[in-house]
């Protein structure tokens, strides 16, 4: 079962035009809390990391992640 943060991030990726979600590193070189949540969704197979820059990481929703997002919202994502 997804917790609210994971559900929010999965839905955000599913609703994006390019089915991607990015997160930027903070000025103090730490990552926001969503970074670990996105990594958790990646380990479950819901997202796939497609870009890593010095201060930006990008994930794309997978087919299984999109199906999960659709089930959560009860409609096409």
PDB file of N, CA and C in Angstrom:
ATOM      1  N   UNK A   1       0.841  -1.188   0.000  1.00  0.00           N
ATOM      2  CA  UNK A   1       0.000   0.000   0.000  1.00  0.00           C
ATOM      3  C   UNK A   1       0.882   1.246   0.000  1.00  0.00           C
ATOM      4  N   UNK A   2       0.523   2.200  -0.812  1.00  0.00           N
ATOM      5  CA  UNK A   2       1.295   3.429  -0.909  1.00  0.00           C
ATOM      6  C   UNK A   2       0.907   4.410   0.179  1.00  0.00           C
ATOM      7  N   UNK A   3       1.907   5.096   0.695  1.00  0.00           N
ATOM      8  CA  UNK A   3       1.619   6.176   1.632  1.00  0.00           C
ATOM      9  C   UNK A   3       1.322   7.431   0.822  1.00  0.00           C
ATOM     10  N   UNK A   4       0.779   8.436   1.463  1.00  0.00           N
ATOM     11  CA  UNK A   4       0.326   9.630   0.754  1.00  0.00           C
ATOM     12  C   UNK A   4       1.409  10.304  -0.081  1.00  0.00           C
ATOM     13  N   UNK A   5       2.642  10.372   0.443  1.00  0.00           N
ATOM     14  CA  UNK A   5       3.716  11.019  -0.317  1.00  0.00           C
ATOM     15  C   UNK A   5       4.011  10.258  -1.604  1.00  0.00           C
ATOM     16  N   UNK A   6       4.083   8.934  -1.516  1.00  0.00           N
ATOM     17  CA  UNK A   6       4.359   8.133  -2.702  1.00  0.00           C
ATOM     18  C   UNK A   6       3.218   8.245  -3.705  1.00  0.00           C
ATOM     19  N   UNK A   7       2.013   8.230  -3.210  1.00  0.00           N
ATOM     20  CA  UNK A   7       0.834   8.375  -4.064  1.00  0.00           C
ATOM     21  C   UNK A   7       0.868   9.722  -4.799  1.00  0.00           C
ATOM     22  N   UNK A   8       1.212  10.779  -4.067  1.00  0.00           N
ATOM     23  CA  UNK A   8       1.288  12.131  -4.642  1.00  0.00           C
ATOM     24  C   UNK A   8       2.339  12.190  -5.749  1.00  0.00           C
ATOM     25  N   UNK A   9       3.509  11.613  -5.503  1.00  0.00           N
ATOM     26  CA  UNK A   9       4.587  11.652  -6.490  1.00  0.00           C
ATOM     27  C   UNK A   9       4.262  10.802  -7.710  1.00  0.00           C
ATOM     28  N   UNK A  10       3.673   9.653  -7.499  1.00  0.00           N
ATOM     29  CA  UNK A  10       3.292   8.789  -8.609  1.00  0.00           C
ATOM     30  C   UNK A  10       2.235   9.470  -9.470  1.00  0.00           C
ATOM     31  N   UNK A  11       1.276  10.095  -8.834  1.00  0.00           N
ATOM     32  CA  UNK A  11       0.225  10.816  -9.559  1.00  0.00           C
ATOM     33  C   UNK A  11       0.817  11.991 -10.339  1.00  0.00           C
ATOM     34  N   UNK A  12       1.759  12.699  -9.726  1.00  0.00           N
ATOM     35  CA  UNK A  12       2.393  13.841 -10.395  1.00  0.00           C
ATOM     36  C   UNK A  12       3.130  13.391 -11.655  1.00  0.00           C
ATOM     37  N   UNK A  13       3.857  12.285 -11.570  1.00  0.00           N
ATOM     38  CA  UNK A  13       4.566  11.766 -12.738  1.00  0.00           C
ATOM     39  C   UNK A  13       3.582  11.302 -13.809  1.00  0.00           C
ATOM     40  N   UNK A  14       2.495  10.661 -13.399  1.00  0.00           N
ATOM     41  CA  UNK A  14       1.500  10.158 -14.348  1.00  0.00           C
ATOM     42  C   UNK A  14       0.788  11.288 -15.077  1.00  0.00           C
ATOM     43  N   UNK A  15       0.634  12.422 -14.422  1.00  0.00           N
ATOM     44  CA  UNK A  15      -0.085  13.544 -15.021  1.00  0.00           C
ATOM     45  C   UNK A  15       0.815  14.470 -15.830  1.00  0.00           C
ATOM     46  N   UNK A  16       2.127  14.306 -15.730  1.00  0.00           N
ATOM     47  CA  UNK A  16       3.052  15.156 -16.482  1.00  0.00           C
ATOM     48  C   UNK A  16       2.976  14.822 -17.969  1.00  0.00           C
ATOM     49  N   UNK A  17       3.135  15.822 -18.810  1.00  0.00           N
ATOM     50  CA  UNK A  17       3.056  15.632 -20.259  1.00  0.00           C
ATOM     51  C   UNK A  17       4.072  14.590 -20.727  1.00  0.00           C
ATOM     52  N   UNK A  18       5.275  14.626 -20.164  1.00  0.00           N
ATOM     53  CA  UNK A  18       6.328  13.698 -20.560  1.00  0.00           C
ATOM     54  C   UNK A  18       6.452  12.495 -19.618  1.00  0.00           C
ATOM     55  N   UNK A  19       5.511  12.372 -18.676  1.00  0.00           N
ATOM     56  CA  UNK A  19       5.501  11.284 -17.688  1.00  0.00           C
ATOM     57  C   UNK A  19       6.785  11.250 -16.855  1.00  0.00           C
ATOM     58  N   UNK A  20       7.362  12.434 -16.618  1.00  0.00           N
ATOM     59  CA  UNK A  20       8.605  12.534 -15.865  1.00  0.00           C
ATOM     60  C   UNK A  20       8.428  13.415 -14.645  1.00  0.00           C
ATOM     61  N   UNK A  21       9.306  13.196 -13.672  1.00  0.00           N
ATOM     62  CA  UNK A  21       9.336  14.014 -12.474  1.00  0.00           C
ATOM     63  C   UNK A  21      10.809  14.234 -12.124  1.00  0.00           C
ATOM     64  N   UNK A  22      11.156  15.472 -11.807  1.00  0.00           N
ATOM     65  CA  UNK A  22      12.536  15.821 -11.472  1.00  0.00           C
ATOM     66  C   UNK A  22      12.586  16.449 -10.098  1.00  0.00           C
ATOM     67  N   UNK A  23      13.753  16.344  -9.487  1.00  0.00           N
ATOM     68  CA  UNK A  23      13.959  16.954  -8.183  1.00  0.00           C
ATOM     69  C   UNK A  23      15.356  17.567  -8.173  1.00  0.00           C
ATOM     70  N   UNK A  24      15.433  18.756  -7.597  1.00  0.00           N
ATOM     71  CA  UNK A  24      16.684  19.505  -7.570  1.00  0.00           C
ATOM     72  C   UNK A  24      17.299  19.456  -6.180  1.00  0.00           C
ATOM     73  N   UNK A  25      18.606  19.308  -6.161  1.00  0.00           N
ATOM     74  CA  UNK A  25      19.348  19.290  -4.907  1.00  0.00           C
ATOM     75  C   UNK A  25      19.310  20.674  -4.268  1.00  0.00           C
ATOM     76  N   UNK A  26      19.253  20.705  -2.948  1.00  0.00           N
ATOM     77  CA  UNK A  26      19.230  21.973  -2.220  1.00  0.00           C
ATOM     78  C   UNK A  26      20.598  22.655  -2.297  1.00  0.00           C
ATOM     79  N   UNK A  27      20.640  23.978  -2.090  1.00  0.00           N
ATOM     80  CA  UNK A  27      21.919  24.697  -2.128  1.00  0.00           C
ATOM     81  C   UNK A  27      22.958  24.156  -1.137  1.00  0.00           C
ATOM     82  N   UNK A  28      22.513  23.558  -0.045  1.00  0.00           N
ATOM     83  CA  UNK A  28      23.461  23.017   0.940  1.00  0.00           C
ATOM     84  C   UNK A  28      23.891  21.587   0.598  1.00  0.00           C
ATOM     85  N   UNK A  29      23.615  21.155  -0.626  1.00  0.00           N
ATOM     86  CA  UNK A  29      23.994  19.840  -1.167  1.00  0.00           C
ATOM     87  C   UNK A  29      23.183  18.670  -0.624  1.00  0.00           C
ATOM     88  N   UNK A  30      22.150  18.925   0.149  1.00  0.00           N
ATOM     89  CA  UNK A  30      21.277  17.836   0.594  1.00  0.00           C
ATOM     90  C   UNK A  30      20.116  17.713  -0.391  1.00  0.00           C
ATOM     91  N   UNK A  31      19.456  16.571  -0.353  1.00  0.00           N
ATOM     92  CA  UNK A  31      18.309  16.345  -1.222  1.00  0.00           C
ATOM     93  C   UNK A  31      17.033  16.517  -0.414  1.00  0.00           C
ATOM     94  N   UNK A  32      15.980  17.053  -1.026  1.00  0.00           N
ATOM     95  CA  UNK A  32      14.685  17.129  -0.336  1.00  0.00           C
ATOM     96  C   UNK A  32      14.186  15.722   0.007  1.00  0.00           C
ATOM     97  N   UNK A  33      13.256  15.640   0.939  1.00  0.00           N
ATOM     98  CA  UNK A  33      12.716  14.354   1.368  1.00  0.00           C
ATOM     99  C   UNK A  33      12.125  13.533   0.238  1.00  0.00           C
ATOM    100  N   UNK A  34      11.604  14.199  -0.792  1.00  0.00           N
ATOM    101  CA  UNK A  34      11.010  13.463  -1.909  1.00  0.00           C
ATOM    102  C   UNK A  34      12.042  12.630  -2.664  1.00  0.00           C
ATOM    103  N   UNK A  35      13.316  12.958  -2.548  1.00  0.00           N
ATOM    104  CA  UNK A  35      14.352  12.185  -3.240  1.00  0.00           C
ATOM    105  C   UNK A  35      14.325  10.726  -2.785  1.00  0.00           C
ATOM    106  N   UNK A  36      14.261  10.501  -1.487  1.00  0.00           N
ATOM    107  CA  UNK A  36      14.222   9.118  -0.987  1.00  0.00           C
ATOM    108  C   UNK A  36      12.903   8.443  -1.353  1.00  0.00           C
ATOM    109  N   UNK A  37      11.841   9.206  -1.414  1.00  0.00           N
ATOM    110  CA  UNK A  37      10.540   8.640  -1.803  1.00  0.00           C
ATOM    111  C   UNK A  37      10.545   8.228  -3.273  1.00  0.00           C
ATOM    112  N   UNK A  38      11.154   9.062  -4.127  1.00  0.00           N
ATOM    113  CA  UNK A  38      11.259   8.720  -5.541  1.00  0.00           C
ATOM    114  C   UNK A  38      12.152   7.493  -5.725  1.00  0.00           C
ATOM    115  N   UNK A  39      13.220   7.416  -4.961  1.00  0.00           N
ATOM    116  CA  UNK A  39      14.101   6.245  -5.020  1.00  0.00           C
ATOM    117  C   UNK A  39      13.358   4.986  -4.583  1.00  0.00           C
ATOM    118  N   UNK A  40      12.492   5.106  -3.588  1.00  0.00           N
ATOM    119  CA  UNK A  40      11.694   3.958  -3.142  1.00  0.00           C
ATOM    120  C   UNK A  40      10.736   3.511  -4.241  1.00  0.00           C
ATOM    121  N   UNK A  41      10.110   4.461  -4.917  1.00  0.00           N
ATOM    122  CA  UNK A  41       9.221   4.114  -6.031  1.00  0.00           C
ATOM    123  C   UNK A  41      10.015   3.472  -7.167  1.00  0.00           C
ATOM    124  N   UNK A  42      11.248   3.917  -7.348  1.00  0.00           N
ATOM    125  CA  UNK A  42      12.116   3.308  -8.357  1.00  0.00           C
ATOM    126  C   UNK A  42      12.425   1.855  -7.983  1.00  0.00           C
ATOM    127  N   UNK A  43      12.728   1.602  -6.737  1.00  0.00           N
ATOM    128  CA  UNK A  43      13.062   0.235  -6.318  1.00  0.00           C
ATOM    129  C   UNK A  43      11.868  -0.710  -6.441  1.00  0.00           C
ATOM    130  N   UNK A  44      10.663  -0.174  -6.382  1.00  0.00           N
ATOM    131  CA  UNK A  44       9.447  -0.986  -6.561  1.00  0.00           C
ATOM    132  C   UNK A  44       9.111  -1.206  -8.026  1.00  0.00           C
ATOM    133  N   UNK A  45       9.784  -0.469  -8.922  1.00  0.00           N
ATOM    134  CA  UNK A  45       9.521  -0.609 -10.347  1.00  0.00           C
ATOM    135  C   UNK A  45       8.482   0.353 -10.878  1.00  0.00           C
ATOM    136  N   UNK A  46       8.032   1.302 -10.050  1.00  0.00           N
ATOM    137  CA  UNK A  46       7.029   2.270 -10.497  1.00  0.00           C
ATOM    138  C   UNK A  46       7.649   3.424 -11.281  1.00  0.00           C
ATOM    139  N   UNK A  47       8.905   3.728 -11.002  1.00  0.00           N
ATOM    140  CA  UNK A  47       9.631   4.783 -11.703  1.00  0.00           C
ATOM    141  C   UNK A  47      10.969   4.229 -12.172  1.00  0.00           C
ATOM    142  N   UNK A  48      11.540   4.889 -13.198  1.00  0.00           N
ATOM    143  CA  UNK A  48      12.864   4.534 -13.704  1.00  0.00           C
ATOM    144  C   UNK A  48      13.679   5.816 -13.780  1.00  0.00           C
ATOM    145  N   UNK A  49      14.856   5.808 -13.165  1.00  0.00           N
ATOM    146  CA  UNK A  49      15.723   6.992 -13.184  1.00  0.00           C
ATOM    147  C   UNK A  49      16.296   7.135 -14.585  1.00  0.00           C
ATOM    148  N   UNK A  50      16.092   8.290 -15.197  1.00  0.00           N
ATOM    149  CA  UNK A  50      16.558   8.478 -16.570  1.00  0.00           C
ATOM    150  C   UNK A  50      17.594   9.581 -16.700  1.00  0.00           C
ATOM    151  N   UNK A  51      17.772  10.380 -15.664  1.00  0.00           N
ATOM    152  CA  UNK A  51      18.742  11.462 -15.758  1.00  0.00           C
ATOM    153  C   UNK A  51      19.335  11.800 -14.416  1.00  0.00           C
ATOM    154  N   UNK A  52      20.663  11.938 -14.416  1.00  0.00           N
ATOM    155  CA  UNK A  52      21.359  12.338 -13.203  1.00  0.00           C
ATOM    156  C   UNK A  52      22.365  13.407 -13.592  1.00  0.00           C
ATOM    157  N   UNK A  53      22.170  14.604 -13.081  1.00  0.00           N
ATOM    158  CA  UNK A  53      23.118  15.693 -13.263  1.00  0.00           C
ATOM    159  C   UNK A  53      23.701  16.023 -11.901  1.00  0.00           C
ATOM    160  N   UNK A  54      24.554  17.000 -11.855  1.00  0.00           N
ATOM    161  CA  UNK A  54      25.203  17.376 -10.596  1.00  0.00           C
ATOM    162  C   UNK A  54      24.189  17.728  -9.515  1.00  0.00           C
ATOM    163  N   UNK A  55      23.117  18.415  -9.885  1.00  0.00           N
ATOM    164  CA  UNK A  55      22.156  18.859  -8.868  1.00  0.00           C
ATOM    165  C   UNK A  55      20.706  18.591  -9.242  1.00  0.00           C
ATOM    166  N   UNK A  56      20.472  17.697 -10.209  1.00  0.00           N
ATOM    167  CA  UNK A  56      19.115  17.400 -10.662  1.00  0.00           C
ATOM    168  C   UNK A  56      19.020  15.921 -11.030  1.00  0.00           C
ATOM    169  N   UNK A  57      17.956  15.277 -10.570  1.00  0.00           N
ATOM    170  CA  UNK A  57      17.694  13.893 -10.961  1.00  0.00           C
ATOM    171  C   UNK A  57      16.285  13.814 -11.533  1.00  0.00           C
ATOM    172  N   UNK A  58      16.128  12.967 -12.541  1.00  0.00           N
ATOM    173  CA  UNK A  58      14.847  12.829 -13.228  1.00  0.00           C
ATOM    174  C   UNK A  58      14.460  11.360 -13.309  1.00  0.00           C
ATOM    175  N   UNK A  59      13.188  11.098 -13.047  1.00  0.00           N
ATOM    176  CA  UNK A  59      12.617   9.757 -13.151  1.00  0.00           C
ATOM    177  C   UNK A  59      11.475   9.795 -14.158  1.00  0.00           C
ATOM    178  N   UNK A  60      11.217   8.661 -14.794  1.00  0.00           N
ATOM    179  CA  UNK A  60      10.068   8.512 -15.689  1.00  0.00           C
ATOM    180  C   UNK A  60       9.210   7.374 -15.158  1.00  0.00           C
ATOM    181  N   UNK A  61       7.908   7.557 -15.235  1.00  0.00           N
ATOM    182  CA  UNK A  61       6.999   6.528 -14.742  1.00  0.00           C
ATOM    183  C   UNK A  61       7.054   5.325 -15.680  1.00  0.00           C
ATOM    184  N   UNK A  62       7.016   4.138 -15.117  1.00  0.00           N
ATOM    185  CA  UNK A  62       7.021   2.904 -15.903  1.00  0.00           C
ATOM    186  C   UNK A  62       5.577   2.505 -16.219  1.00  0.00           C
ATOM    187  N   UNK A  63       5.429   1.505 -17.057  1.00  0.00           N
ATOM    188  CA  UNK A  63       4.081   1.023 -17.372  1.00  0.00           C
ATOM    189  C   UNK A  63       3.367   0.536 -16.110  1.00  0.00           C
ATOM    190  N   UNK A  64       4.101  -0.172 -15.253  1.00  0.00           N
ATOM    191  CA  UNK A  64       3.460  -0.658 -14.023  1.00  0.00           C
ATOM    192  C   UNK A  64       3.130   0.497 -13.081  1.00  0.00           C
ATOM    193  N   UNK A  65       3.974   1.518 -13.049  1.00  0.00           N
ATOM    194  CA  UNK A  65       3.688   2.696 -12.231  1.00  0.00           C
ATOM    195  C   UNK A  65       2.482   3.458 -12.750  1.00  0.00           C
ATOM    196  N   UNK A  66       2.365   3.543 -14.070  1.00  0.00           N
ATOM    197  CA  UNK A  66       1.215   4.221 -14.668  1.00  0.00           C
ATOM    198  C   UNK A  66      -0.072   3.453 -14.366  1.00  0.00           C
ATOM    199  N   UNK A  67      -0.011   2.137 -14.455  1.00  0.00           N
ATOM    200  CA  UNK A  67      -1.189   1.318 -14.134  1.00  0.00           C
ATOM    201  C   UNK A  67      -1.580   1.497 -12.671  1.00  0.00           C
ATOM    202  N   UNK A  68      -0.583   1.548 -11.793  1.00  0.00           N
ATOM    203  CA  UNK A  68      -0.865   1.749 -10.367  1.00  0.00           C
ATOM    204  C   UNK A  68      -1.498   3.126 -10.143  1.00  0.00           C
ATOM    205  N   UNK A  69      -0.973   4.146 -10.810  1.00  0.00           N
ATOM    206  CA  UNK A  69      -1.529   5.496 -10.670  1.00  0.00           C
ATOM    207  C   UNK A  69      -2.975   5.536 -11.157  1.00  0.00           C
ATOM    208  N   UNK A  70      -3.254   4.841 -12.250  1.00  0.00           N
ATOM    209  CA  UNK A  70      -4.616   4.800 -12.779  1.00  0.00           C
ATOM    210  C   UNK A  70      -5.561   4.117 -11.802  1.00  0.00           C
ATOM    211  N   UNK A  71      -5.102   3.044 -11.177  1.00  0.00           N
ATOM    212  CA  UNK A  71      -5.940   2.363 -10.182  1.00  0.00           C
ATOM    213  C   UNK A  71      -6.199   3.261  -8.976  1.00  0.00           C
ATOM    214  N   UNK A  72      -5.197   4.027  -8.580  1.00  0.00           N
ATOM    215  CA  UNK A  72      -5.347   4.906  -7.418  1.00  0.00           C
ATOM    216  C   UNK A  72      -6.350   6.022  -7.663  1.00  0.00           C
ATOM    217  N   UNK A  73      -6.371   6.527  -8.895  1.00  0.00           N
ATOM    218  CA  UNK A  73      -7.272   7.636  -9.204  1.00  0.00           C
ATOM    219  C   UNK A  73      -8.607   7.156  -9.753  1.00  0.00           C
ATOM    220  N   UNK A  74      -8.663   5.897 -10.172  1.00  0.00           N
ATOM    221  CA  UNK A  74      -9.905   5.364 -10.711  1.00  0.00           C
ATOM    222  C   UNK A  74     -10.230   5.887 -12.094  1.00  0.00           C
ATOM    223  N   UNK A  75      -9.193   6.386 -12.785  1.00  0.00           N
ATOM    224  CA  UNK A  75      -9.394   6.921 -14.134  1.00  0.00           C
ATOM    225  C   UNK A  75      -8.100   6.814 -14.899  1.00  0.00           C
ATOM    226  N   UNK A  76      -8.145   7.151 -16.176  1.00  0.00           N
ATOM    227  CA  UNK A  76      -6.924   7.151 -16.983  1.00  0.00           C
ATOM    228  C   UNK A  76      -6.034   8.280 -16.515  1.00  0.00           C
ATOM    229  N   UNK A  77      -4.742   7.973 -16.350  1.00  0.00           N
ATOM    230  CA  UNK A  77      -3.775   8.996 -15.919  1.00  0.00           C
ATOM    231  C   UNK A  77      -3.312   9.800 -17.103  1.00  0.00           C
TER     232      UNK A  77
END
